[in-house]
Structures are given as C-alpha cells and as structure tokens.
C-alpha cells in the first residue's frame, strides 16, 4: 500500500526543526489511522491512495485543535507531552475497532510512593580482635586468643525512628563460644530535648559504660577498667539493663547540659548462678531507676562532667532484701590527641536491719598521641569488704596498667599492655583484675590486634 502524501511526514529526525513538527507528524498518523475508511486498508498492495488538499486541510486543522488541547492539559497537570500523547492515542483511534496488535493503554492515577531503601535497610559494621596473652599465675599458659566479634547493626526506619543492636560472638577461657545480643534498642526522637528508647541497653552509670560499648576498637586500652567489667566476667555493676530510657538536651546554652532517665528490670539477685541480666522475666515487681546528668561545656572542647544515681532493691533467695544505691561522678577530657579520664564510684548495699556495706572504687587513665603511637597509663582501685553480701569475692584490688597503642592504619590497631594487681591477704600478681577465671584470661602481658570492617 502506498500513501501519496505521507512521505514528508516520515522524514528523518535530523531534518526536524522542532519538537512541534514531530508532534504534528505523530498526531497526523494517529488521525489518519482513525478516520480513513476501512475500505482503504482493504486495497491491494499495488494500489495507491490519493488524499486531496481539502482532506489534508481538515487534518491540519484537527492537529491544531489537538495541539491546543495538549497545551491546556500540560498547563493543568504538569505532565510531560509524551505521556499526554500516549493517553490521547486511544481517543484518536476510537473510530477504528481495536485489534490484537494495538497496545492497551496503561491506567492513569497517582504513582505509588516508593520506599527509600537507603533509610530502611540494615547497616552493619564489624569489629573484632585477636590476641596473645600470658602471665605468671599458677595454671596459666601463654595462649593465642580470639576476642569478640561485634556486629554493630543500625537502621533508620524514618527521620524520627531508629533501630540499633549489637550482636556479639565471643569465646571465654573455657574455650566455649557464646552469642549475645548485648544491646537491642528501638528509639523514637521527638526532638533534641526528648528521645525515648526501649529494649536492652548499657546502663548510664557514669561515663565509661556509655562511651565504650562491646568492642575494644574504640578503647585506648586492651580492656575495660575492672569497675566496668561485664557481668559475665565478674563485674560488680549492673552494666546491662532491660527497660525504657528517656534522654535529651537541657536548654542551657554553652553549658551543654544533658539528662538520662532509665527504668528497668535491674540485675538478678536471687542466685549467683542465674543469668545476671533479666532479659525476659523480672524476678520481682520492683524496678531499678537510674538518673544521670552531665555537661559538655563549649569553653572546653572534648570535656564532659557529670554524675549519676542508681537505685534498686535486691531479693537474694537466702537472705533479706538488700537496698542498692550506686553513686558515680566523673570528669573527662577526650580529644583525638589527648585523653584524661577520671571516674569514681560508691556502691552502697544495705541489707534490711543489718550492717550497711560501702564499696568505693575509681580509675584514672591518661594517654597522649604521638603520630601513630599512643602510650597510656591507667590506675585502678576497688575496696570491697570481705563480708560484702553481693560480691564477697572481690575484696581489695588495685594496681596500674601501662601500654601503647599503634595505629597501623585507619582500620587496624595493635596494642601492647602490662598489668599489675595487688590484693588483700594475697600475693600481688602480674595480671589484670579478672574475677571469674572461667570467663576471662587474667594475663599479665597482652598483645592485641584490633580491626574493624
């Protein structure tokens, strides 16, 4: 079949002077397809169809009308011309019956909102360490040791809601692997002055427990001060808790005041063999309460000064109930090239109708960076009564730790540390203050390789 006057309309795009000409060609094709009689399409291939000038004039007028209609729709809806032309095609072909080769028009309507996967997908950072440790204590051997493998998982569900968890794989001195969800928190932020969280968290007792979580990568030293040792390593503080947290800024100008208020299950007290963190069921209806207040003054960059008060009631199965109060105060200066941490704790246990036991403790730590090297010194002190009702095995423990951290790269560090500990009624040891030997290695000299991925 041949069309006498369609050749100019099928010229190549390089000869088109504007998008308007292209629009006219497309509309003319659509109109011709709709208004030519069905008998035209039934002609033999050798026949030629001739369209007179009057017909072409009518077609051009129809094109002008359609262009005006397109302009009106563009102004009204702000939709690109290609979309409007696609929706106009069924109208132009309304006079001809649809065939199987004609494409069905897509339904119109608002495009569904797409999910921003960059905000909702989990982001995972990994931290780990590997060490070589040894000492002079009886029964101890120099050993290569796997440390913690920490998967730090976060997700910004939306602008105000965030999810955080720390999944830790660790192995202790009994060579047994364990997996722990150390922190699991869902946080909703109303504004800078009020954030609510629920789940398992690090109790905001003092500074160290919220500044350094479950990886040695962020710590200058190879391990935590004994005061802030984890519960499964013989620690004497309720490091973890399950409950709700409110935190935020306090309008205070350059003083930079912040607050934290926590209500949780508290630590297990019925049996020393029980899981120390009450993750699912509380052994009693009494809840622990912790309130912390601290300042970050702008006049001293990197400084933080604060205190906290923790209150709970313990219910040992073989004793009377014990009132527990933990007071903490600290002043720290933490910068990229210099660090000075000072923190003191007083743990007060008051068995009902009996003697009150007070356990003081503190640590001070100082370090200075020289290029890739960062030497450090830490001194610790804890003095618990031998009759202390909650942790009678601690007693007096005091001594220094000295070491150096070498930053091999941005992602890898090497630490060498020596520990010395004096104890009451015992000979001083070249080693750290580990209480439960089955859960940690009380080495005197440690070489630790830390990495992040």
Protein backbone atom coordinates (compact mmCIF):
# COMPACT_ATOMS: atom_id res chain seq x y z
CA UNK A 1 0.00 0.00 0.00
CA UNK A 2 1.27 3.50 -0.76
CA UNK A 3 0.25 6.87 0.68
CA UNK A 4 0.83 9.71 -1.69
CA UNK A 5 1.21 12.49 0.91
CA UNK A 6 2.81 10.69 3.85
CA UNK A 7 6.42 10.76 2.64
CA UNK A 8 7.20 14.25 4.01
CA UNK A 9 5.82 13.21 7.43
CA UNK A 10 8.27 10.32 7.69
CA UNK A 11 11.39 12.42 7.27
CA UNK A 12 14.38 11.54 9.46
CA UNK A 13 14.72 13.28 12.88
CA UNK A 14 17.78 15.14 11.67
CA UNK A 15 15.58 17.15 9.32
CA UNK A 16 13.08 18.04 12.05
CA UNK A 17 13.37 21.66 13.17
CA UNK A 18 11.42 21.35 16.43
CA UNK A 19 9.50 19.04 18.74
CA UNK A 20 6.30 20.70 17.46
CA UNK A 21 6.86 19.29 13.98
CA UNK A 22 7.37 15.84 15.47
CA UNK A 23 4.16 16.21 17.43
CA UNK A 24 2.26 17.14 14.29
CA UNK A 25 3.55 14.11 12.43
CA UNK A 26 2.57 11.77 15.24
CA UNK A 27 -0.89 13.26 15.59
CA UNK A 28 -1.45 13.18 11.82
CA UNK A 29 -0.58 9.50 11.75
CA UNK A 30 -3.00 8.85 14.61
CA UNK A 31 -5.78 10.83 12.96
CA UNK A 32 -5.28 9.15 9.58
CA UNK A 33 -5.36 5.78 11.26
CA UNK A 34 -8.68 6.68 12.83
CA UNK A 35 -10.57 8.49 10.05
CA UNK A 36 -9.57 6.68 6.87
CA UNK A 37 -12.35 4.28 5.82
CA UNK A 38 -11.84 0.65 6.47
CA UNK A 39 -12.03 0.08 2.72
CA UNK A 40 -8.73 1.95 2.25
CA UNK A 41 -6.92 -0.66 4.34
CA UNK A 42 -8.54 -3.36 2.21
CA UNK A 43 -6.90 -2.15 -1.05
CA UNK A 44 -4.41 -4.32 -2.86
CA UNK A 45 -0.74 -3.61 -2.14
CA UNK A 46 -0.20 -2.32 -5.69
CA UNK A 47 -2.86 0.37 -5.43
CA UNK A 48 -2.13 3.98 -4.47
CA UNK A 49 -4.45 6.07 -2.32
CA UNK A 50 -4.59 9.79 -3.08
CA UNK A 51 -5.74 12.29 -0.46
CA UNK A 52 -6.88 15.66 -1.80
CA UNK A 53 -5.95 19.10 -0.42
CA UNK A 54 -9.30 19.57 1.29
CA UNK A 55 -8.84 16.46 3.34
CA UNK A 56 -5.31 17.50 4.31
CA UNK A 57 -6.55 20.91 5.32
CA UNK A 58 -9.13 19.32 7.62
CA UNK A 59 -6.43 17.07 9.07
CA UNK A 60 -4.12 20.01 9.78
CA UNK A 61 -6.95 21.87 11.46
CA UNK A 62 -7.62 18.82 13.59
CA UNK A 63 -3.90 18.72 14.50
CA UNK A 64 -4.02 22.36 15.56
CA UNK A 65 -7.01 21.61 17.78
CA UNK A 66 -5.23 18.66 19.37
CA UNK A 67 -2.09 20.75 19.98
CA UNK A 68 -4.17 23.38 21.75
CA UNK A 69 -5.73 20.64 23.85
CA UNK A 70 -2.26 19.26 24.69
CA UNK A 71 -1.12 22.72 25.83
CA UNK A 72 -4.15 23.04 28.10
CA UNK A 73 -3.54 19.65 29.67
CA UNK A 74 0.15 20.42 30.18
CA UNK A 75 -0.67 23.62 31.99
CA UNK A 76 -3.32 21.93 34.13
CA UNK A 77 -1.46 18.76 35.13
CA UNK A 78 2.23 19.46 34.54
CA UNK A 79 2.60 16.08 32.77
CA UNK A 80 5.27 15.68 30.02
CA UNK A 81 3.90 15.81 26.45
CA UNK A 82 4.91 12.21 25.74
CA UNK A 83 2.60 10.98 28.48
CA UNK A 84 -0.28 13.08 27.19
CA UNK A 85 0.22 11.90 23.63
CA UNK A 86 0.19 8.29 24.80
CA UNK A 87 -3.11 8.87 26.58
CA UNK A 88 -4.52 10.68 23.53
CA UNK A 89 -3.80 7.79 21.19
CA UNK A 90 -6.88 5.71 22.15
CA UNK A 91 -9.08 8.76 21.57
CA UNK A 92 -7.67 9.31 18.08
CA UNK A 93 -8.22 5.68 17.18
CA UNK A 94 -11.69 5.49 18.67
CA UNK A 95 -13.25 5.35 15.18
CA UNK A 96 -11.42 2.15 14.28
CA UNK A 97 -12.09 -1.13 16.05
CA UNK A 98 -9.21 -2.33 18.29
CA UNK A 99 -7.03 -5.14 17.03
CA UNK A 100 -4.88 -7.63 18.83
CA UNK A 101 -1.76 -5.71 17.81
CA UNK A 102 -2.88 -2.48 19.49
CA UNK A 103 -1.34 -1.93 22.95
CA UNK A 104 -3.75 -1.47 25.85
CA UNK A 105 -3.42 1.99 27.47
CA UNK A 106 -1.90 1.97 30.96
CA UNK A 107 -4.31 3.01 33.73
CA UNK A 108 -3.94 6.57 34.88
CA UNK A 109 -3.56 7.54 38.51
CA UNK A 110 -1.02 8.73 41.08
CA UNK A 111 2.22 6.77 41.15
CA UNK A 112 2.54 4.77 44.41
CA UNK A 113 5.05 6.10 46.92
CA UNK A 114 8.36 4.26 46.75
CA UNK A 115 10.23 3.03 49.82
CA UNK A 116 13.62 4.64 50.42
CA UNK A 117 15.77 1.55 50.91
CA UNK A 118 18.74 3.69 51.90
CA UNK A 119 16.93 4.51 55.13
CA UNK A 120 15.25 1.19 55.93
CA UNK A 121 17.91 -1.39 55.09
CA UNK A 122 20.14 -2.58 57.91
CA UNK A 123 23.64 -1.12 58.06
CA UNK A 124 26.23 -3.45 59.58
CA UNK A 125 29.69 -2.56 60.85
CA UNK A 126 32.01 -5.22 62.18
CA UNK A 127 34.68 -5.07 64.89
CA UNK A 128 36.97 -7.79 66.13
CA UNK A 129 40.21 -8.53 67.96
CA UNK A 130 42.82 -11.25 68.26
CA UNK A 131 45.47 -11.52 70.96
CA UNK A 132 48.46 -13.21 72.50
CA UNK A 133 48.35 -13.28 76.31
CA UNK A 134 50.47 -14.70 79.12
CA UNK A 135 51.28 -14.31 82.80
CA UNK A 136 52.92 -15.84 85.87
CA UNK A 137 49.84 -17.09 87.71
CA UNK A 138 49.61 -20.76 88.60
CA UNK A 139 47.93 -22.80 85.88
CA UNK A 140 48.13 -20.05 83.29
CA UNK A 141 49.71 -20.58 79.88
CA UNK A 142 50.72 -18.27 77.09
CA UNK A 143 47.92 -18.51 74.52
CA UNK A 144 46.65 -17.11 71.28
CA UNK A 145 43.11 -15.93 71.90
CA UNK A 146 40.12 -14.97 69.84
CA UNK A 147 38.38 -11.90 71.22
CA UNK A 148 34.95 -10.53 70.45
CA UNK A 149 33.41 -10.31 67.02
CA UNK A 150 30.92 -7.47 67.24
CA UNK A 151 28.30 -6.79 64.56
CA UNK A 152 27.01 -3.27 65.13
CA UNK A 153 23.65 -3.11 63.32
CA UNK A 154 21.62 0.05 62.77
CA UNK A 155 18.63 1.10 60.70
CA UNK A 156 16.98 4.50 60.25
CA UNK A 157 13.35 3.45 59.88
CA UNK A 158 12.33 7.05 59.27
CA UNK A 159 13.50 10.52 60.26
CA UNK A 160 12.47 10.01 63.90
CA UNK A 161 12.66 6.25 64.47
CA UNK A 162 15.91 4.29 64.67
CA UNK A 163 16.86 0.72 65.44
CA UNK A 164 20.17 -0.38 66.98
CA UNK A 165 21.61 -3.67 68.10
CA UNK A 166 24.96 -5.20 69.00
CA UNK A 167 25.30 -8.89 68.17
CA UNK A 168 28.48 -10.24 69.77
CA UNK A 169 30.22 -13.57 69.28
CA UNK A 170 32.84 -14.24 71.95
CA UNK A 171 34.88 -17.05 73.46
CA UNK A 172 35.99 -17.26 77.10
CA UNK A 173 38.79 -19.03 78.94
CA UNK A 174 36.77 -22.27 78.96
CA UNK A 175 37.09 -22.25 75.12
CA UNK A 176 33.32 -22.17 74.68
CA UNK A 177 31.74 -19.83 72.13
CA UNK A 178 28.77 -17.69 73.09
CA UNK A 179 26.45 -15.42 71.17
CA UNK A 180 24.82 -12.47 72.91
CA UNK A 181 22.50 -9.66 71.89
CA UNK A 182 24.30 -7.12 74.05
CA UNK A 183 22.13 -4.17 73.03
CA UNK A 184 18.75 -4.11 71.27
CA UNK A 185 17.10 -0.68 71.15
CA UNK A 186 14.25 0.97 69.32
CA UNK A 187 14.48 4.77 69.60
CA UNK A 188 11.97 7.49 68.78
CA UNK A 189 13.16 11.08 68.76
CA UNK A 190 10.57 13.80 69.33
CA UNK A 191 13.27 16.47 69.18
CA UNK A 192 16.71 17.21 70.65
CA UNK A 193 15.16 17.53 74.11
CA UNK A 194 13.29 14.21 74.28
CA UNK A 195 14.25 10.81 72.92
CA UNK A 196 12.55 7.60 74.06
CA UNK A 197 14.16 4.17 73.77
CA UNK A 198 13.01 0.69 74.70
CA UNK A 199 14.93 -2.57 74.86
CA UNK A 200 18.25 -3.76 76.25
CA UNK A 201 20.80 -1.02 76.84
CA UNK A 202 24.04 -0.13 78.61
CA UNK A 203 23.06 1.43 81.92
CA UNK A 204 24.06 5.10 82.05
CA UNK A 205 26.09 4.71 85.24
CA UNK A 206 28.85 7.26 84.87
CA UNK A 207 30.89 7.80 81.73
CA UNK A 208 32.72 4.68 80.61
CA UNK A 209 29.70 2.41 80.25
CA UNK A 210 28.01 4.58 77.64
CA UNK A 211 31.13 5.93 75.96
CA UNK A 212 32.62 2.48 75.17
CA UNK A 213 30.46 -0.44 74.13
CA UNK A 214 31.23 -4.03 73.11
CA UNK A 215 34.41 -3.60 71.12
CA UNK A 216 37.95 -2.87 72.18
CA UNK A 217 38.49 -0.93 68.95
CA UNK A 218 37.14 2.31 70.43
CA UNK A 219 39.02 1.88 73.71
CA UNK A 220 42.56 3.05 74.10
CA UNK A 221 43.45 0.04 76.28
CA UNK A 222 43.07 -3.70 75.68
CA UNK A 223 40.15 -3.92 78.11
CA UNK A 224 37.75 -2.07 80.38
CA UNK A 225 38.51 -0.89 83.93
CA UNK A 226 37.57 -3.53 86.49
CA UNK A 227 34.82 -1.26 87.82
CA UNK A 228 33.08 -1.52 84.44
CA UNK A 229 33.81 -5.16 83.67
CA UNK A 230 30.87 -7.07 82.18
CA UNK A 231 28.67 -9.16 84.46
CA UNK A 232 29.82 -12.46 82.94
CA UNK A 233 33.45 -11.50 83.68
CA UNK A 234 32.87 -10.88 87.38
CA UNK A 235 31.88 -7.21 87.09
CA UNK A 236 30.31 -5.60 90.14
CA UNK A 237 27.98 -3.11 88.40
CA UNK A 238 24.69 -3.69 86.54
CA UNK A 239 26.27 -2.95 83.16
CA UNK A 240 23.22 -4.06 81.14
CA UNK A 241 19.55 -3.46 81.77
CA UNK A 242 16.20 -4.05 80.06
CA UNK A 243 13.59 -1.31 80.15
CA UNK A 244 12.85 2.17 78.83
CA UNK A 245 15.07 5.25 78.55
CA UNK A 246 14.34 8.96 78.18
CA UNK A 247 17.21 11.26 77.24
CA UNK A 248 17.95 14.60 75.64
CA UNK A 249 19.39 18.04 75.96
CA UNK A 250 18.51 20.58 78.65
CA UNK A 251 18.28 24.21 77.43
CA UNK A 252 21.45 25.62 78.97
CA UNK A 253 23.32 27.50 76.26
CA UNK A 254 27.08 26.96 76.14
CA UNK A 255 26.99 24.77 79.27
CA UNK A 256 25.64 21.86 77.18
CA UNK A 257 23.56 20.08 79.81
CA UNK A 258 22.06 16.63 79.06
CA UNK A 259 19.93 14.18 81.04
CA UNK A 260 19.23 10.45 81.04
CA UNK A 261 16.42 8.70 82.96
CA UNK A 262 16.12 4.89 82.93
CA UNK A 263 13.60 2.43 84.37
CA UNK A 264 14.46 -1.27 84.04
CA UNK A 265 14.32 -4.75 85.49
CA UNK A 266 17.63 -4.36 87.29
CA UNK A 267 20.16 -7.12 87.94
CA UNK A 268 19.39 -10.68 89.01
CA UNK A 269 19.87 -11.24 92.75
CA UNK A 270 18.07 -14.49 93.61
CA UNK A 271 21.05 -16.72 92.74
CA UNK A 272 24.69 -16.14 91.72
CA UNK A 273 24.32 -18.89 89.07
CA UNK A 274 21.37 -17.20 87.34
CA UNK A 275 21.71 -15.08 84.19
CA UNK A 276 22.75 -11.65 85.58
CA UNK A 277 20.59 -9.66 83.11
CA UNK A 278 16.82 -10.10 83.39
CA UNK A 279 16.06 -10.09 79.69
CA UNK A 280 12.57 -11.59 79.67
CA UNK A 281 11.21 -12.14 83.17
CA UNK A 282 11.88 -9.99 86.24
CA UNK A 283 12.30 -11.96 89.47
CA UNK A 284 10.20 -9.33 91.28
CA UNK A 285 7.93 -6.40 90.51
CA UNK A 286 10.36 -3.79 91.79
CA UNK A 287 12.13 -1.80 89.05
CA UNK A 288 15.53 -0.17 89.03
CA UNK A 289 15.82 3.58 88.49
CA UNK A 290 18.83 5.48 87.19
CA UNK A 291 19.15 9.22 86.64
CA UNK A 292 22.20 10.86 85.06
CA UNK A 293 23.06 14.49 84.43
CA UNK A 294 26.14 15.73 82.57
CA UNK A 295 27.56 18.84 80.91
CA UNK A 296 29.65 19.33 77.80
CA UNK A 297 30.82 22.94 78.10
CA UNK A 298 31.72 24.61 74.82
CA UNK A 299 34.54 26.52 76.52
CA UNK A 300 36.48 23.24 76.97
CA UNK A 301 36.16 21.15 73.77
CA UNK A 302 36.17 17.41 74.43
CA UNK A 303 35.29 17.77 78.12
CA UNK A 304 32.39 16.11 79.94
CA UNK A 305 31.49 16.38 83.61
CA UNK A 306 28.63 14.51 85.22
CA UNK A 307 27.15 12.25 87.87
CA UNK A 308 24.53 9.52 88.14
CA UNK A 309 22.38 7.90 90.86
CA UNK A 310 21.21 4.29 90.51
CA UNK A 311 18.65 2.75 92.87
CA UNK A 312 17.31 -0.80 93.15
CA UNK A 313 16.20 -3.43 95.66
CA UNK A 314 17.73 -6.92 95.54
CA UNK A 315 15.99 -10.07 96.78
CA UNK A 316 18.56 -12.85 97.44
CA UNK A 317 16.96 -16.24 97.97
CA UNK A 318 18.98 -16.98 101.14
CA UNK A 319 18.97 -13.52 102.74
CA UNK A 320 16.88 -10.49 103.50
CA UNK A 321 16.24 -7.92 100.83
CA UNK A 322 19.07 -5.51 100.11
CA UNK A 323 18.75 -1.86 99.16
CA UNK A 324 21.26 -0.97 96.44
CA UNK A 325 22.46 2.56 95.69
CA UNK A 326 25.23 3.34 93.21
CA UNK A 327 26.67 6.86 93.02
CA UNK A 328 29.04 7.87 90.23
CA UNK A 329 30.87 11.11 89.44
CA UNK A 330 33.37 11.80 86.69
CA UNK A 331 35.34 14.45 84.83
CA UNK A 332 36.92 13.54 81.49
CA UNK A 333 38.77 15.23 78.65
CA UNK A 334 38.76 13.19 75.47
CA UNK A 335 40.36 14.58 72.32
CA UNK A 336 41.95 12.97 69.28
CA UNK A 337 45.50 13.60 70.56
CA UNK A 338 44.98 13.64 74.31
CA UNK A 339 42.83 11.74 76.81
CA UNK A 340 42.36 12.04 80.56
CA UNK A 341 39.58 10.05 82.20
CA UNK A 342 38.73 10.26 85.90
CA UNK A 343 35.77 8.44 87.45
CA UNK A 344 34.77 7.44 90.98
CA UNK A 345 32.02 5.06 92.16
CA UNK A 346 30.45 4.33 95.54
CA UNK A 347 28.34 1.13 95.79
CA UNK A 348 26.13 1.01 98.89
CA UNK A 349 24.38 -2.22 99.91
CA UNK A 350 22.02 -2.05 102.88
CA UNK A 351 20.54 -5.41 103.97
CA UNK A 352 17.27 -4.87 105.80
CA UNK A 353 18.02 -4.39 109.51
CA UNK A 354 21.72 -5.27 109.11
CA UNK A 355 25.08 -3.58 108.60
CA UNK A 356 25.49 -1.25 105.60
CA UNK A 357 28.38 -2.04 103.24
CA UNK A 358 30.02 0.63 101.12
CA UNK A 359 32.46 -0.20 98.33
CA UNK A 360 34.48 2.68 96.89
CA UNK A 361 36.31 2.49 93.60
CA UNK A 362 37.89 4.69 90.98
CA UNK A 363 40.15 4.73 87.95
CA UNK A 364 42.21 7.37 86.23
CA UNK A 365 43.56 7.00 82.72
CA UNK A 366 45.78 9.29 80.67
CA UNK A 367 47.19 8.96 77.16
CA UNK A 368 48.92 11.12 74.58
CA UNK A 369 49.18 10.52 70.87
CA UNK A 370 52.48 10.85 69.02
CA UNK A 371 51.85 10.21 65.35
CA UNK A 372 50.75 6.56 65.01
CA UNK A 373 51.73 5.73 68.63
CA UNK A 374 49.64 6.37 71.73
CA UNK A 375 51.20 5.40 75.07
CA UNK A 376 48.82 5.23 78.04
CA UNK A 377 48.70 4.68 81.78
CA UNK A 378 45.73 3.63 83.91
CA UNK A 379 45.47 3.14 87.66
CA UNK A 380 42.53 1.35 89.30
CA UNK A 381 41.25 0.87 92.84
CA UNK A 382 38.37 -1.14 94.30
CA UNK A 383 37.98 -1.89 98.03
CA UNK A 384 35.11 -4.19 98.95
CA UNK A 385 34.52 -5.77 102.34
CA UNK A 386 35.18 -9.48 102.67
CA UNK A 387 31.62 -9.73 104.03
CA UNK A 388 30.06 -7.80 101.14
CA UNK A 389 26.68 -9.53 100.58
CA UNK A 390 26.54 -9.22 96.77
CA UNK A 391 30.17 -9.72 95.61
CA UNK A 392 32.23 -11.07 98.56
CA UNK A 393 34.92 -12.45 96.23
CA UNK A 394 36.19 -9.04 95.11
CA UNK A 395 37.97 -7.69 98.19
CA UNK A 396 40.77 -5.18 97.61
CA UNK A 397 42.15 -4.85 94.10
CA UNK A 398 44.43 -2.07 92.99
CA UNK A 399 47.25 -1.52 90.56
CA UNK A 400 48.43 0.08 87.32
CA UNK A 401 48.19 -0.84 83.66
CA UNK A 402 50.64 0.58 81.16
CA UNK A 403 50.73 0.14 77.42
CA UNK A 404 50.94 1.60 73.96
CA UNK A 405 48.55 1.57 71.05
CA UNK A 406 49.90 1.60 67.50
CA UNK A 407 47.53 2.59 64.68
CA UNK A 408 48.74 0.52 61.74
CA UNK A 409 46.00 2.02 59.54
CA UNK A 410 42.63 3.64 59.84
CA UNK A 411 41.06 0.21 60.35
CA UNK A 412 43.72 -1.78 62.23
CA UNK A 413 45.45 -1.18 65.56
CA UNK A 414 47.98 -3.07 67.68
CA UNK A 415 48.11 -2.77 71.49
CA UNK A 416 50.73 -3.95 73.96
CA UNK A 417 49.72 -3.78 77.65
CA UNK A 418 51.14 -4.87 81.02
CA UNK A 419 49.02 -5.21 84.20
CA UNK A 420 49.98 -5.44 87.86
CA UNK A 421 47.48 -6.07 90.68
CA UNK A 422 47.74 -6.01 94.47
CA UNK A 423 45.08 -7.82 96.53
CA UNK A 424 44.16 -8.13 100.21
CA UNK A 425 45.67 -11.12 102.01
CA UNK A 426 47.17 -12.39 98.75
CA UNK A 427 50.43 -12.01 96.92
CA UNK A 428 50.49 -9.35 94.21
CA UNK A 429 50.19 -10.75 90.71
CA UNK A 430 51.40 -9.76 87.29
CA UNK A 431 47.98 -9.76 85.73
CA UNK A 432 44.68 -7.93 85.47
CA UNK A 433 41.74 -7.93 87.85
CA UNK A 434 39.72 -10.78 86.36
CA UNK A 435 37.45 -12.37 88.99
CA UNK A 436 35.96 -15.36 87.18
CA UNK A 437 38.83 -17.26 85.56
CA UNK A 438 36.40 -19.42 83.58
CA UNK A 439 35.16 -16.32 81.77
CA UNK A 440 38.31 -14.26 81.15
CA UNK A 441 42.08 -14.56 80.94
CA UNK A 442 43.95 -12.79 83.79
CA UNK A 443 47.11 -12.19 81.76
CA UNK A 444 49.99 -10.01 82.83
CA UNK A 445 51.16 -9.12 79.35
CA UNK A 446 48.85 -8.87 76.38
CA UNK A 447 49.38 -8.18 72.70
CA UNK A 448 46.09 -7.39 71.00
CA UNK A 449 45.28 -6.86 67.32
CA UNK A 450 42.07 -4.93 66.80
CA UNK A 451 40.31 -4.36 63.50
CA UNK A 452 37.12 -3.03 62.02
CA UNK A 453 35.34 -3.91 58.79
